[in-house]
Amino acid sequence: MAAKDSSKNGNPKNGGTANRGAENGGAPAAADAAGTGTGAEPELSYEEARDELDSVVRRLEAGGLSLKDSLALWERGEHLAATCEQWLEGARAKLAVAMEERGQGGGSDAETPF
C-alpha cells in the first residue's frame, strides 16, 4: 500500500482537510459528527473543529479554487460544522443535567439560559 500524503490525511496540524477516520485513530466521523453514531467523542475538539471551519470558510470566500476543490472544502466544512454542533449539544445536555441536580431545572425552555 502506498503511503498517504500528510496534507490529505485530515490532520489540521499538517494542513490536511480530508475526513479523519478510524485509520488515523479517530472515531468514524460521518456518523458521530452528525450525532447519529455510537455517541463516541468526535475526533476533533470543539476548538480544533471551529478553527479549521474558520479556515475552510476563509478559503472558500477567497475564491480561485476549482469546482472540485470548492466542493471538497464545502463537504469538509459541513462535517466540521456537524462536529461543532455535536460538542455544543453535549455541553447543553451536561448543563441541563447539572442544573437539574442543583434543583434549578425543570422549568420551561424560556427559563433555560441556553
N, C-alpha and C. Protein backbone atom coordinates (compact mmCIF):
# COMPACT_ATOMS: atom_id res chain seq x y z
N MET A 1 0.83 -1.19 0.00
CA MET A 1 0.00 0.00 0.00
C MET A 1 0.87 1.25 0.00
N ALA A 2 0.50 2.23 -0.74
CA ALA A 2 1.27 3.48 -0.81
C ALA A 2 1.00 4.34 0.40
N ALA A 3 1.99 5.09 0.81
CA ALA A 3 1.83 5.99 1.95
C ALA A 3 0.94 7.15 1.54
N LYS A 4 0.13 7.59 2.49
CA LYS A 4 -0.76 8.72 2.22
C LYS A 4 -0.01 10.03 2.39
N ASP A 5 -0.36 10.99 1.57
CA ASP A 5 0.19 12.33 1.67
C ASP A 5 -0.32 12.97 2.96
N SER A 6 0.56 13.48 3.81
CA SER A 6 0.14 14.03 5.09
C SER A 6 -0.75 15.25 4.94
N SER A 7 -0.70 15.93 3.80
CA SER A 7 -1.54 17.10 3.62
C SER A 7 -2.99 16.71 3.33
N LYS A 8 -3.23 15.43 3.08
CA LYS A 8 -4.58 14.99 2.77
C LYS A 8 -5.13 14.01 3.80
N ASN A 9 -4.44 13.83 4.93
CA ASN A 9 -4.90 12.84 5.88
C ASN A 9 -5.86 13.38 6.91
N GLY A 10 -6.26 14.64 6.79
CA GLY A 10 -7.24 15.18 7.70
C GLY A 10 -6.65 15.78 8.96
N ASN A 11 -5.35 15.72 9.12
CA ASN A 11 -4.74 16.27 10.31
C ASN A 11 -4.56 17.76 10.10
N PRO A 12 -5.37 18.60 10.81
CA PRO A 12 -5.27 20.03 10.59
C PRO A 12 -3.90 20.59 10.93
N LYS A 13 -3.16 19.92 11.78
CA LYS A 13 -1.83 20.40 12.13
C LYS A 13 -0.87 20.21 10.97
N ASN A 14 -1.21 19.28 10.05
CA ASN A 14 -0.39 19.06 8.87
C ASN A 14 -1.00 19.71 7.63
N GLY A 15 -2.03 20.52 7.84
CA GLY A 15 -2.65 21.22 6.74
C GLY A 15 -3.68 20.40 5.99
N GLY A 16 -4.03 19.22 6.51
CA GLY A 16 -4.98 18.36 5.83
C GLY A 16 -6.40 18.86 5.97
N THR A 17 -7.22 18.50 5.00
CA THR A 17 -8.63 18.88 5.05
C THR A 17 -9.55 17.69 4.88
N ALA A 18 -8.99 16.52 4.68
CA ALA A 18 -9.84 15.35 4.47
C ALA A 18 -10.39 14.85 5.79
N ASN A 19 -11.40 14.03 5.71
CA ASN A 19 -12.06 13.46 6.87
C ASN A 19 -11.11 12.51 7.59
N ARG A 20 -10.91 12.73 8.88
CA ARG A 20 -10.10 11.81 9.66
C ARG A 20 -10.99 10.70 10.14
N GLY A 21 -10.66 9.49 9.81
CA GLY A 21 -11.49 8.37 10.21
C GLY A 21 -10.72 7.41 11.06
N ALA A 22 -11.21 6.20 11.14
CA ALA A 22 -10.64 5.19 12.01
C ALA A 22 -9.19 4.87 11.66
N GLU A 23 -8.80 5.01 10.39
CA GLU A 23 -7.43 4.68 10.02
C GLU A 23 -6.42 5.60 10.69
N ASN A 24 -6.84 6.76 11.16
CA ASN A 24 -5.94 7.70 11.84
C ASN A 24 -6.18 7.72 13.34
N GLY A 25 -6.91 6.75 13.86
CA GLY A 25 -7.16 6.71 15.29
C GLY A 25 -8.34 7.55 15.73
N GLY A 26 -9.03 8.17 14.79
CA GLY A 26 -10.20 8.97 15.14
C GLY A 26 -11.46 8.13 15.08
N ALA A 27 -12.53 8.66 15.63
CA ALA A 27 -13.81 7.98 15.57
C ALA A 27 -14.34 8.04 14.15
N PRO A 28 -15.22 7.11 13.78
CA PRO A 28 -15.86 7.23 12.47
C PRO A 28 -16.60 8.56 12.40
N ALA A 29 -16.12 9.44 11.56
CA ALA A 29 -16.51 10.84 11.62
C ALA A 29 -17.92 11.12 11.15
N ALA A 30 -18.34 10.58 10.04
CA ALA A 30 -19.61 11.00 9.46
C ALA A 30 -20.77 10.73 10.40
N ALA A 31 -20.86 9.55 10.97
CA ALA A 31 -21.99 9.23 11.83
C ALA A 31 -21.90 9.97 13.16
N ASP A 32 -20.74 9.95 13.79
CA ASP A 32 -20.61 10.57 15.10
C ASP A 32 -20.76 12.08 15.05
N ALA A 33 -20.20 12.73 14.06
CA ALA A 33 -20.28 14.17 13.98
C ALA A 33 -21.71 14.64 13.78
N ALA A 34 -22.50 13.82 13.13
CA ALA A 34 -23.89 14.18 12.91
C ALA A 34 -24.75 13.83 14.12
N GLY A 35 -24.15 13.20 15.12
CA GLY A 35 -24.90 12.84 16.30
C GLY A 35 -25.72 11.57 16.13
N THR A 36 -25.45 10.80 15.10
CA THR A 36 -26.22 9.59 14.85
C THR A 36 -25.41 8.33 15.05
N GLY A 37 -24.19 8.47 15.49
CA GLY A 37 -23.34 7.30 15.66
C GLY A 37 -23.47 6.72 17.04
N THR A 38 -22.38 6.20 17.53
CA THR A 38 -22.38 5.50 18.80
C THR A 38 -22.36 6.45 19.98
N GLY A 39 -22.26 7.72 19.72
CA GLY A 39 -22.17 8.69 20.81
C GLY A 39 -20.74 8.91 21.26
N ALA A 40 -19.80 8.32 20.55
CA ALA A 40 -18.40 8.49 20.89
C ALA A 40 -17.98 9.93 20.68
N GLU A 41 -16.95 10.32 21.36
CA GLU A 41 -16.45 11.68 21.24
C GLU A 41 -15.93 11.92 19.82
N PRO A 42 -16.22 13.10 19.24
CA PRO A 42 -15.71 13.40 17.89
C PRO A 42 -14.19 13.35 17.86
N GLU A 43 -13.66 13.15 16.65
CA GLU A 43 -12.21 13.02 16.51
C GLU A 43 -11.47 14.33 16.71
N LEU A 44 -12.15 15.46 16.60
CA LEU A 44 -11.55 16.77 16.83
C LEU A 44 -12.19 17.42 18.05
N SER A 45 -11.42 18.22 18.76
CA SER A 45 -12.02 19.00 19.84
C SER A 45 -12.89 20.09 19.22
N TYR A 46 -13.74 20.70 20.01
CA TYR A 46 -14.58 21.79 19.53
C TYR A 46 -13.70 22.89 18.93
N GLU A 47 -12.66 23.25 19.66
CA GLU A 47 -11.80 24.35 19.23
C GLU A 47 -11.08 24.03 17.93
N GLU A 48 -10.60 22.78 17.79
CA GLU A 48 -9.94 22.38 16.55
C GLU A 48 -10.91 22.44 15.38
N ALA A 49 -12.11 21.91 15.59
CA ALA A 49 -13.11 21.92 14.52
C ALA A 49 -13.51 23.34 14.16
N ARG A 50 -13.71 24.18 15.16
CA ARG A 50 -14.11 25.58 14.90
C ARG A 50 -13.03 26.31 14.14
N ASP A 51 -11.78 26.14 14.55
CA ASP A 51 -10.67 26.83 13.89
C ASP A 51 -10.49 26.35 12.45
N GLU A 52 -10.61 25.04 12.24
CA GLU A 52 -10.47 24.53 10.88
C GLU A 52 -11.66 24.99 10.03
N LEU A 53 -12.86 25.03 10.61
CA LEU A 53 -14.03 25.52 9.88
C LEU A 53 -13.83 26.98 9.46
N ASP A 54 -13.27 27.77 10.35
CA ASP A 54 -12.97 29.17 10.02
C ASP A 54 -12.02 29.24 8.83
N SER A 55 -11.01 28.39 8.82
CA SER A 55 -10.05 28.35 7.72
C SER A 55 -10.72 27.94 6.41
N VAL A 56 -11.61 26.94 6.49
CA VAL A 56 -12.33 26.48 5.31
C VAL A 56 -13.18 27.60 4.74
N VAL A 57 -13.89 28.30 5.59
CA VAL A 57 -14.75 29.40 5.14
C VAL A 57 -13.92 30.49 4.48
N ARG A 58 -12.79 30.84 5.09
CA ARG A 58 -11.92 31.87 4.51
C ARG A 58 -11.42 31.47 3.12
N ARG A 59 -11.04 30.20 2.97
CA ARG A 59 -10.55 29.73 1.69
C ARG A 59 -11.65 29.75 0.63
N LEU A 60 -12.85 29.35 1.03
CA LEU A 60 -13.97 29.38 0.08
C LEU A 60 -14.32 30.81 -0.31
N GLU A 61 -14.32 31.71 0.67
CA GLU A 61 -14.65 33.11 0.39
C GLU A 61 -13.59 33.79 -0.48
N ALA A 62 -12.35 33.36 -0.35
CA ALA A 62 -11.26 33.96 -1.14
C ALA A 62 -11.40 33.62 -2.62
N GLY A 63 -12.04 32.48 -2.91
CA GLY A 63 -12.25 32.10 -4.30
C GLY A 63 -10.99 31.59 -4.95
N GLY A 64 -11.05 31.44 -6.25
CA GLY A 64 -9.89 30.99 -7.01
C GLY A 64 -9.67 29.50 -6.99
N LEU A 65 -10.59 28.74 -6.41
CA LEU A 65 -10.45 27.29 -6.34
C LEU A 65 -11.21 26.65 -7.48
N SER A 66 -10.79 25.47 -7.84
CA SER A 66 -11.54 24.72 -8.85
C SER A 66 -12.87 24.28 -8.22
N LEU A 67 -13.80 23.89 -9.07
CA LEU A 67 -15.08 23.41 -8.58
C LEU A 67 -14.89 22.19 -7.69
N LYS A 68 -14.02 21.29 -8.12
CA LYS A 68 -13.76 20.07 -7.35
C LYS A 68 -13.21 20.42 -5.96
N ASP A 69 -12.25 21.32 -5.90
CA ASP A 69 -11.67 21.73 -4.61
C ASP A 69 -12.69 22.47 -3.75
N SER A 70 -13.50 23.30 -4.38
CA SER A 70 -14.54 24.03 -3.65
C SER A 70 -15.54 23.07 -3.02
N LEU A 71 -15.96 22.07 -3.80
CA LEU A 71 -16.91 21.10 -3.27
C LEU A 71 -16.30 20.27 -2.14
N ALA A 72 -15.05 19.90 -2.29
CA ALA A 72 -14.38 19.15 -1.22
C ALA A 72 -14.29 19.98 0.05
N LEU A 73 -13.96 21.25 -0.09
CA LEU A 73 -13.89 22.14 1.07
C LEU A 73 -15.27 22.32 1.69
N TRP A 74 -16.28 22.49 0.85
CA TRP A 74 -17.65 22.64 1.35
C TRP A 74 -18.06 21.42 2.18
N GLU A 75 -17.77 20.22 1.65
CA GLU A 75 -18.10 18.99 2.38
C GLU A 75 -17.34 18.92 3.70
N ARG A 76 -16.08 19.32 3.69
CA ARG A 76 -15.31 19.33 4.93
C ARG A 76 -15.92 20.32 5.92
N GLY A 77 -16.33 21.47 5.41
CA GLY A 77 -16.97 22.46 6.28
C GLY A 77 -18.25 21.93 6.89
N GLU A 78 -19.05 21.21 6.12
CA GLU A 78 -20.28 20.60 6.64
C GLU A 78 -19.95 19.63 7.77
N HIS A 79 -18.93 18.83 7.57
CA HIS A 79 -18.51 17.87 8.60
C HIS A 79 -18.04 18.60 9.86
N LEU A 80 -17.25 19.64 9.67
CA LEU A 80 -16.74 20.39 10.82
C LEU A 80 -17.87 21.09 11.57
N ALA A 81 -18.84 21.63 10.85
CA ALA A 81 -19.98 22.27 11.49
C ALA A 81 -20.77 21.25 12.31
N ALA A 82 -20.94 20.05 11.77
CA ALA A 82 -21.64 18.99 12.50
C ALA A 82 -20.86 18.59 13.75
N THR A 83 -19.55 18.55 13.66
CA THR A 83 -18.72 18.23 14.82
C THR A 83 -18.89 19.30 15.90
N CYS A 84 -18.87 20.57 15.50
CA CYS A 84 -19.08 21.65 16.47
C CYS A 84 -20.45 21.52 17.11
N GLU A 85 -21.46 21.24 16.32
CA GLU A 85 -22.82 21.10 16.84
C GLU A 85 -22.90 19.94 17.83
N GLN A 86 -22.21 18.84 17.54
CA GLN A 86 -22.21 17.71 18.45
C GLN A 86 -21.61 18.11 19.80
N TRP A 87 -20.50 18.83 19.77
CA TRP A 87 -19.89 19.29 21.01
C TRP A 87 -20.84 20.23 21.78
N LEU A 88 -21.48 21.14 21.05
CA LEU A 88 -22.38 22.09 21.71
C LEU A 88 -23.60 21.39 22.30
N GLU A 89 -24.14 20.43 21.58
CA GLU A 89 -25.29 19.67 22.11
C GLU A 89 -24.88 18.90 23.36
N GLY A 90 -23.69 18.33 23.34
CA GLY A 90 -23.20 17.62 24.53
C GLY A 90 -23.03 18.56 25.72
N ALA A 91 -22.53 19.75 25.46
CA ALA A 91 -22.36 20.73 26.54
C ALA A 91 -23.72 21.16 27.08
N ARG A 92 -24.70 21.38 26.19
CA ARG A 92 -26.05 21.75 26.63
C ARG A 92 -26.65 20.65 27.50
N ALA A 93 -26.47 19.41 27.10
CA ALA A 93 -27.00 18.28 27.87
C ALA A 93 -26.36 18.21 29.25
N LYS A 94 -25.05 18.41 29.31
CA LYS A 94 -24.36 18.38 30.61
C LYS A 94 -24.84 19.52 31.50
N LEU A 95 -25.03 20.69 30.92
CA LEU A 95 -25.53 21.82 31.71
C LEU A 95 -26.94 21.55 32.22
N ALA A 96 -27.77 20.96 31.39
CA ALA A 96 -29.14 20.64 31.80
C ALA A 96 -29.14 19.67 32.97
N VAL A 97 -28.29 18.65 32.91
CA VAL A 97 -28.18 17.68 33.99
C VAL A 97 -27.69 18.36 35.26
N ALA A 98 -26.67 19.19 35.13
CA ALA A 98 -26.13 19.88 36.30
C ALA A 98 -27.18 20.79 36.93
N MET A 99 -27.95 21.47 36.11
CA MET A 99 -28.99 22.35 36.63
C MET A 99 -30.09 21.55 37.32
N GLU A 100 -30.44 20.40 36.76
CA GLU A 100 -31.44 19.52 37.38
C GLU A 100 -30.95 19.04 38.74
N GLU A 101 -29.69 18.66 38.80
CA GLU A 101 -29.11 18.17 40.05
C GLU A 101 -29.10 19.24 41.13
N ARG A 102 -28.95 20.48 40.72
CA ARG A 102 -28.94 21.60 41.68
C ARG A 102 -30.34 22.07 42.01
N GLY A 103 -31.34 21.48 41.35
CA GLY A 103 -32.71 21.88 41.63
C GLY A 103 -33.14 23.13 40.90
N GLN A 104 -32.38 23.55 39.90
CA GLN A 104 -32.72 24.75 39.16
C GLN A 104 -33.43 24.44 37.86
N GLY A 105 -33.49 23.18 37.49
CA GLY A 105 -34.08 22.82 36.20
C GLY A 105 -35.55 22.51 36.35
N GLY A 106 -36.09 21.91 35.31
CA GLY A 106 -37.48 21.51 35.34
C GLY A 106 -38.43 22.57 34.85
N GLY A 107 -37.92 23.75 34.52
CA GLY A 107 -38.76 24.84 34.04
C GLY A 107 -38.96 24.75 32.56
N SER A 108 -39.63 25.72 32.01
CA SER A 108 -39.86 25.76 30.58
C SER A 108 -38.58 26.15 29.85
N ASP A 109 -38.61 26.01 28.54
CA ASP A 109 -37.46 26.36 27.73
C ASP A 109 -37.13 27.85 27.85
N ALA A 110 -38.13 28.67 28.12
CA ALA A 110 -37.91 30.11 28.22
C ALA A 110 -37.01 30.45 29.42
N GLU A 111 -37.00 29.59 30.41
CA GLU A 111 -36.18 29.82 31.60
C GLU A 111 -34.74 29.32 31.42
N THR A 112 -34.52 28.51 30.42
CA THR A 112 -33.21 27.92 30.22
C THR A 112 -32.28 28.95 29.58
N PRO A 113 -31.10 29.17 30.19
CA PRO A 113 -30.18 30.19 29.68
C PRO A 113 -29.50 29.80 28.39
N PHE A 114 -29.71 28.61 27.89
CA PHE A 114 -29.10 28.18 26.65
C PHE A 114 -30.14 27.53 25.83
